[in-house]
Amino acid sequence: MHKGLGRQRLVALFVAGGLLLNFPLLALWDRDAVVWGLPLFPAALFVLWGLLIAALGWIAERMPD
C-alpha cells in the first residue's frame, strides 16, 4: 500500500468515526430496547467504538514503515 493511500484511509476513518459518533446517526440507537441485558444505546456505542479501533489497527498494520 502506498504511504499516501494509508494516510487517506486514516483520514476517512477519522471522518467516518466523527459522523458515526455524532448526533444525527447516533440518535438512531436511542431506543428503549435491550440487547443481552444491556440498553441498546450504550451497547451500540461500545460496538461502534470497537469497530473503529479494529479498523484503525487493520489500516495501521498495512501501512509501510
PDB file of N, CA and C in Angstrom:
ATOM      1  N   MET A   1       0.848  -1.172   0.000  1.00  0.00           N
ATOM      2  CA  MET A   1       0.000   0.000   0.000  1.00  0.00           C
ATOM      3  C   MET A   1       0.891   1.231   0.000  1.00  0.00           C
ATOM      4  N   HIS A   2       0.515   2.201  -0.769  1.00  0.00           N
ATOM      5  CA  HIS A   2       1.283   3.438  -0.830  1.00  0.00           C
ATOM      6  C   HIS A   2       1.074   4.233   0.453  1.00  0.00           C
ATOM      7  N   LYS A   3       2.087   5.002   0.807  1.00  0.00           N
ATOM      8  CA  LYS A   3       2.022   5.777   2.043  1.00  0.00           C
ATOM      9  C   LYS A   3       0.869   6.779   2.005  1.00  0.00           C
ATOM     10  N   GLY A   4       0.649   7.415   0.882  1.00  0.00           N
ATOM     11  CA  GLY A   4      -0.430   8.388   0.742  1.00  0.00           C
ATOM     12  C   GLY A   4      -1.802   7.761   0.877  1.00  0.00           C
ATOM     13  N   LEU A   5      -1.947   6.546   0.352  1.00  0.00           N
ATOM     14  CA  LEU A   5      -3.227   5.852   0.434  1.00  0.00           C
ATOM     15  C   LEU A   5      -3.566   5.487   1.876  1.00  0.00           C
ATOM     16  N   GLY A   6      -2.567   5.077   2.647  1.00  0.00           N
ATOM     17  CA  GLY A   6      -2.793   4.763   4.049  1.00  0.00           C
ATOM     18  C   GLY A   6      -3.228   5.980   4.841  1.00  0.00           C
ATOM     19  N   ARG A   7      -2.610   7.107   4.552  1.00  0.00           N
ATOM     20  CA  ARG A   7      -2.996   8.355   5.221  1.00  0.00           C
ATOM     21  C   ARG A   7      -4.414   8.754   4.847  1.00  0.00           C
ATOM     22  N   GLN A   8      -4.770   8.591   3.585  1.00  0.00           N
ATOM     23  CA  GLN A   8      -6.127   8.912   3.148  1.00  0.00           C
ATOM     24  C   GLN A   8      -7.142   8.024   3.848  1.00  0.00           C
ATOM     25  N   ARG A   9      -6.799   6.756   4.014  1.00  0.00           N
ATOM     26  CA  ARG A   9      -7.713   5.844   4.712  1.00  0.00           C
ATOM     27  C   ARG A   9      -7.868   6.217   6.175  1.00  0.00           C
ATOM     28  N   LEU A  10      -6.776   6.652   6.806  1.00  0.00           N
ATOM     29  CA  LEU A  10      -6.860   7.083   8.201  1.00  0.00           C
ATOM     30  C   LEU A  10      -7.722   8.333   8.346  1.00  0.00           C
ATOM     31  N   VAL A  11      -7.587   9.259   7.415  1.00  0.00           N
ATOM     32  CA  VAL A  11      -8.421  10.464   7.447  1.00  0.00           C
ATOM     33  C   VAL A  11      -9.882  10.097   7.213  1.00  0.00           C
ATOM     34  N   ALA A  12     -10.134   9.191   6.280  1.00  0.00           N
ATOM     35  CA  ALA A  12     -11.506   8.756   6.014  1.00  0.00           C
ATOM     36  C   ALA A  12     -12.093   8.052   7.235  1.00  0.00           C
ATOM     37  N   LEU A  13     -11.289   7.259   7.927  1.00  0.00           N
ATOM     38  CA  LEU A  13     -11.757   6.594   9.142  1.00  0.00           C
ATOM     39  C   LEU A  13     -12.068   7.610  10.236  1.00  0.00           C
ATOM     40  N   PHE A  14     -11.243   8.640  10.358  1.00  0.00           N
ATOM     41  CA  PHE A  14     -11.492   9.701  11.326  1.00  0.00           C
ATOM     42  C   PHE A  14     -12.821  10.404  11.030  1.00  0.00           C
ATOM     43  N   VAL A  15     -13.061  10.729   9.775  1.00  0.00           N
ATOM     44  CA  VAL A  15     -14.304  11.396   9.382  1.00  0.00           C
ATOM     45  C   VAL A  15     -15.497  10.473   9.618  1.00  0.00           C
ATOM     46  N   ALA A  16     -15.359   9.207   9.259  1.00  0.00           N
ATOM     47  CA  ALA A  16     -16.445   8.245   9.485  1.00  0.00           C
ATOM     48  C   ALA A  16     -16.743   8.104  10.972  1.00  0.00           C
ATOM     49  N   GLY A  17     -15.708   8.053  11.801  1.00  0.00           N
ATOM     50  CA  GLY A  17     -15.907   7.974  13.245  1.00  0.00           C
ATOM     51  C   GLY A  17     -16.598   9.205  13.781  1.00  0.00           C
ATOM     52  N   GLY A  18     -16.206  10.367  13.287  1.00  0.00           N
ATOM     53  CA  GLY A  18     -16.863  11.602  13.704  1.00  0.00           C
ATOM     54  C   GLY A  18     -18.331  11.624  13.328  1.00  0.00           C
ATOM     55  N   LEU A  19     -18.650  11.119  12.155  1.00  0.00           N
ATOM     56  CA  LEU A  19     -20.047  11.079  11.733  1.00  0.00           C
ATOM     57  C   LEU A  19     -20.842  10.027  12.493  1.00  0.00           C
ATOM     58  N   LEU A  20     -20.259   8.851  12.701  1.00  0.00           N
ATOM     59  CA  LEU A  20     -20.973   7.776  13.393  1.00  0.00           C
ATOM     60  C   LEU A  20     -21.239   8.088  14.855  1.00  0.00           C
ATOM     61  N   LEU A  21     -20.346   8.834  15.486  1.00  0.00           N
ATOM     62  CA  LEU A  21     -20.486   9.122  16.905  1.00  0.00           C
ATOM     63  C   LEU A  21     -21.007  10.530  17.146  1.00  0.00           C
ATOM     64  N   ASN A  22     -21.759  11.068  16.201  1.00  0.00           N
ATOM     65  CA  ASN A  22     -22.352  12.382  16.334  1.00  0.00           C
ATOM     66  C   ASN A  22     -23.874  12.271  16.315  1.00  0.00           C
ATOM     67  N   PHE A  23     -24.555  13.368  16.583  1.00  0.00           N
ATOM     68  CA  PHE A  23     -25.986  13.335  16.857  1.00  0.00           C
ATOM     69  C   PHE A  23     -26.873  12.680  15.804  1.00  0.00           C
ATOM     70  N   PRO A  24     -26.900  13.090  14.554  1.00  0.00           N
ATOM     71  CA  PRO A  24     -27.947  12.549  13.676  1.00  0.00           C
ATOM     72  C   PRO A  24     -27.938  11.024  13.577  1.00  0.00           C
ATOM     73  N   LEU A  25     -26.775  10.420  13.403  1.00  0.00           N
ATOM     74  CA  LEU A  25     -26.731   8.958  13.287  1.00  0.00           C
ATOM     75  C   LEU A  25     -26.794   8.270  14.642  1.00  0.00           C
ATOM     76  N   LEU A  26     -26.287   8.920  15.660  1.00  0.00           N
ATOM     77  CA  LEU A  26     -26.305   8.337  16.996  1.00  0.00           C
ATOM     78  C   LEU A  26     -27.723   8.273  17.549  1.00  0.00           C
ATOM     79  N   ALA A  27     -28.581   9.159  17.097  1.00  0.00           N
ATOM     80  CA  ALA A  27     -29.973   9.168  17.553  1.00  0.00           C
ATOM     81  C   ALA A  27     -30.732   7.922  17.091  1.00  0.00           C
ATOM     82  N   LEU A  28     -30.220   7.241  16.077  1.00  0.00           N
ATOM     83  CA  LEU A  28     -30.874   6.010  15.609  1.00  0.00           C
ATOM     84  C   LEU A  28     -30.877   4.928  16.684  1.00  0.00           C
ATOM     85  N   TRP A  29     -29.876   4.939  17.573  1.00  0.00           N
ATOM     86  CA  TRP A  29     -29.727   3.892  18.582  1.00  0.00           C
ATOM     87  C   TRP A  29     -30.411   4.231  19.903  1.00  0.00           C
ATOM     88  N   ASP A  30     -30.991   5.422  20.016  1.00  0.00           N
ATOM     89  CA  ASP A  30     -31.607   5.855  21.270  1.00  0.00           C
ATOM     90  C   ASP A  30     -33.039   5.325  21.356  1.00  0.00           C
ATOM     91  N   ARG A  31     -33.177   4.056  21.647  1.00  0.00           N
ATOM     92  CA  ARG A  31     -34.476   3.379  21.753  1.00  0.00           C
ATOM     93  C   ARG A  31     -34.568   2.675  23.101  1.00  0.00           C
ATOM     94  N   ASP A  32     -35.773   2.340  23.482  1.00  0.00           N
ATOM     95  CA  ASP A  32     -35.986   1.580  24.710  1.00  0.00           C
ATOM     96  C   ASP A  32     -35.935   0.088  24.397  1.00  0.00           C
ATOM     97  N   ALA A  33     -34.755  -0.381  24.060  1.00  0.00           N
ATOM     98  CA  ALA A  33     -34.566  -1.795  23.732  1.00  0.00           C
ATOM     99  C   ALA A  33     -33.395  -2.321  24.547  1.00  0.00           C
ATOM    100  N   VAL A  34     -33.345  -3.640  24.681  1.00  0.00           N
ATOM    101  CA  VAL A  34     -32.303  -4.286  25.465  1.00  0.00           C
ATOM    102  C   VAL A  34     -31.629  -5.348  24.607  1.00  0.00           C
ATOM    103  N   VAL A  35     -30.289  -5.367  24.640  1.00  0.00           N
ATOM    104  CA  VAL A  35     -29.501  -6.364  23.920  1.00  0.00           C
ATOM    105  C   VAL A  35     -28.630  -7.083  24.930  1.00  0.00           C
ATOM    106  N   TRP A  36     -28.837  -8.368  25.120  1.00  0.00           N
ATOM    107  CA  TRP A  36     -28.088  -9.189  26.080  1.00  0.00           C
ATOM    108  C   TRP A  36     -28.099  -8.580  27.485  1.00  0.00           C
ATOM    109  N   GLY A  37     -29.220  -8.005  27.855  1.00  0.00           N
ATOM    110  CA  GLY A  37     -29.361  -7.419  29.184  1.00  0.00           C
ATOM    111  C   GLY A  37     -28.827  -6.003  29.307  1.00  0.00           C
ATOM    112  N   LEU A  38     -28.310  -5.433  28.222  1.00  0.00           N
ATOM    113  CA  LEU A  38     -27.789  -4.067  28.228  1.00  0.00           C
ATOM    114  C   LEU A  38     -28.715  -3.177  27.401  1.00  0.00           C
ATOM    115  N   PRO A  39     -28.862  -1.922  27.807  1.00  0.00           N
ATOM    116  CA  PRO A  39     -29.623  -0.996  26.961  1.00  0.00           C
ATOM    117  C   PRO A  39     -28.964  -0.857  25.590  1.00  0.00           C
ATOM    118  N   LEU A  40     -29.766  -0.638  24.570  1.00  0.00           N
ATOM    119  CA  LEU A  40     -29.273  -0.612  23.193  1.00  0.00           C
ATOM    120  C   LEU A  40     -28.271   0.507  22.954  1.00  0.00           C
ATOM    121  N   PHE A  41     -28.508   1.689  23.505  1.00  0.00           N
ATOM    122  CA  PHE A  41     -27.643   2.831  23.228  1.00  0.00           C
ATOM    123  C   PHE A  41     -26.195   2.607  23.679  1.00  0.00           C
ATOM    124  N   PRO A  42     -25.931   2.241  24.949  1.00  0.00           N
ATOM    125  CA  PRO A  42     -24.530   2.002  25.326  1.00  0.00           C
ATOM    126  C   PRO A  42     -23.915   0.806  24.594  1.00  0.00           C
ATOM    127  N   ALA A  43     -24.711  -0.219  24.320  1.00  0.00           N
ATOM    128  CA  ALA A  43     -24.188  -1.377  23.594  1.00  0.00           C
ATOM    129  C   ALA A  43     -23.768  -0.975  22.174  1.00  0.00           C
ATOM    130  N   ALA A  44     -24.585  -0.163  21.518  1.00  0.00           N
ATOM    131  CA  ALA A  44     -24.250   0.296  20.168  1.00  0.00           C
ATOM    132  C   ALA A  44     -23.010   1.184  20.187  1.00  0.00           C
ATOM    133  N   LEU A  45     -22.898   2.049  21.183  1.00  0.00           N
ATOM    134  CA  LEU A  45     -21.705   2.887  21.299  1.00  0.00           C
ATOM    135  C   LEU A  45     -20.453   2.039  21.450  1.00  0.00           C
ATOM    136  N   PHE A  46     -20.512   1.035  22.297  1.00  0.00           N
ATOM    137  CA  PHE A  46     -19.366   0.171  22.531  1.00  0.00           C
ATOM    138  C   PHE A  46     -18.984  -0.594  21.272  1.00  0.00           C
ATOM    139  N   VAL A  47     -19.968  -1.100  20.545  1.00  0.00           N
ATOM    140  CA  VAL A  47     -19.694  -1.850  19.316  1.00  0.00           C
ATOM    141  C   VAL A  47     -19.098  -0.934  18.248  1.00  0.00           C
ATOM    142  N   LEU A  48     -19.670   0.254  18.063  1.00  0.00           N
ATOM    143  CA  LEU A  48     -19.123   1.200  17.088  1.00  0.00           C
ATOM    144  C   LEU A  48     -17.694   1.592  17.438  1.00  0.00           C
ATOM    145  N   TRP A  49     -17.451   1.856  18.704  1.00  0.00           N
ATOM    146  CA  TRP A  49     -16.123   2.228  19.175  1.00  0.00           C
ATOM    147  C   TRP A  49     -15.132   1.083  18.903  1.00  0.00           C
ATOM    148  N   GLY A  50     -15.524  -0.143  19.213  1.00  0.00           N
ATOM    149  CA  GLY A  50     -14.665  -1.294  18.973  1.00  0.00           C
ATOM    150  C   GLY A  50     -14.374  -1.501  17.493  1.00  0.00           C
ATOM    151  N   LEU A  51     -15.380  -1.310  16.646  1.00  0.00           N
ATOM    152  CA  LEU A  51     -15.175  -1.453  15.206  1.00  0.00           C
ATOM    153  C   LEU A  51     -14.229  -0.385  14.665  1.00  0.00           C
ATOM    154  N   LEU A  52     -14.347   0.831  15.176  1.00  0.00           N
ATOM    155  CA  LEU A  52     -13.428   1.887  14.749  1.00  0.00           C
ATOM    156  C   LEU A  52     -11.993   1.569  15.158  1.00  0.00           C
ATOM    157  N   ILE A  53     -11.802   1.050  16.355  1.00  0.00           N
ATOM    158  CA  ILE A  53     -10.462   0.677  16.813  1.00  0.00           C
ATOM    159  C   ILE A  53      -9.908  -0.482  15.988  1.00  0.00           C
ATOM    160  N   ALA A  54     -10.744  -1.466  15.677  1.00  0.00           N
ATOM    161  CA  ALA A  54     -10.303  -2.598  14.862  1.00  0.00           C
ATOM    162  C   ALA A  54      -9.912  -2.132  13.460  1.00  0.00           C
ATOM    163  N   ALA A  55     -10.694  -1.235  12.874  1.00  0.00           N
ATOM    164  CA  ALA A  55     -10.366  -0.711  11.543  1.00  0.00           C
ATOM    165  C   ALA A  55      -9.076   0.098  11.590  1.00  0.00           C
ATOM    166  N   LEU A  56      -8.885   0.869  12.642  1.00  0.00           N
ATOM    167  CA  LEU A  56      -7.651   1.638  12.793  1.00  0.00           C
ATOM    168  C   LEU A  56      -6.438   0.707  12.877  1.00  0.00           C
ATOM    169  N   GLY A  57      -6.542  -0.340  13.656  1.00  0.00           N
ATOM    170  CA  GLY A  57      -5.450  -1.303  13.769  1.00  0.00           C
ATOM    171  C   GLY A  57      -5.153  -1.996  12.456  1.00  0.00           C
ATOM    172  N   TRP A  58      -6.199  -2.356  11.734  1.00  0.00           N
ATOM    173  CA  TRP A  58      -6.018  -3.032  10.448  1.00  0.00           C
ATOM    174  C   TRP A  58      -5.324  -2.112   9.446  1.00  0.00           C
ATOM    175  N   ILE A  59      -5.754  -0.845   9.396  1.00  0.00           N
ATOM    176  CA  ILE A  59      -5.139   0.105   8.471  1.00  0.00           C
ATOM    177  C   ILE A  59      -3.694   0.387   8.875  1.00  0.00           C
ATOM    178  N   ALA A  60      -3.461   0.567  10.166  1.00  0.00           N
ATOM    179  CA  ALA A  60      -2.112   0.879  10.645  1.00  0.00           C
ATOM    180  C   ALA A  60      -1.139  -0.273  10.392  1.00  0.00           C
ATOM    181  N   GLU A  61      -1.600  -1.503  10.510  1.00  0.00           N
ATOM    182  CA  GLU A  61      -0.722  -2.657  10.265  1.00  0.00           C
ATOM    183  C   GLU A  61      -0.378  -2.796   8.786  1.00  0.00           C
ATOM    184  N   ARG A  62      -1.237  -2.356   7.921  1.00  0.00           N
ATOM    185  CA  ARG A  62      -0.994  -2.471   6.487  1.00  0.00           C
ATOM    186  C   ARG A  62      -0.131  -1.351   5.943  1.00  0.00           C
ATOM    187  N   MET A  63       0.038  -0.266   6.691  1.00  0.00           N
ATOM    188  CA  MET A  63       0.838   0.871   6.218  1.00  0.00           C
ATOM    189  C   MET A  63       2.320   0.499   6.243  1.00  0.00           C
ATOM    190  N   PRO A  64       3.058   0.929   5.221  1.00  0.00           N
ATOM    191  CA  PRO A  64       4.511   0.671   5.240  1.00  0.00           C
ATOM    192  C   PRO A  64       5.189   1.533   6.309  1.00  0.00           C
ATOM    193  N   ASP A  65       6.341   1.082   6.767  1.00  0.00           N
ATOM    194  CA  ASP A  65       7.064   1.825   7.815  1.00  0.00           C
ATOM    195  C   ASP A  65       7.651   3.108   7.334  1.00  0.00           C
TER     196      ASP A  65
END
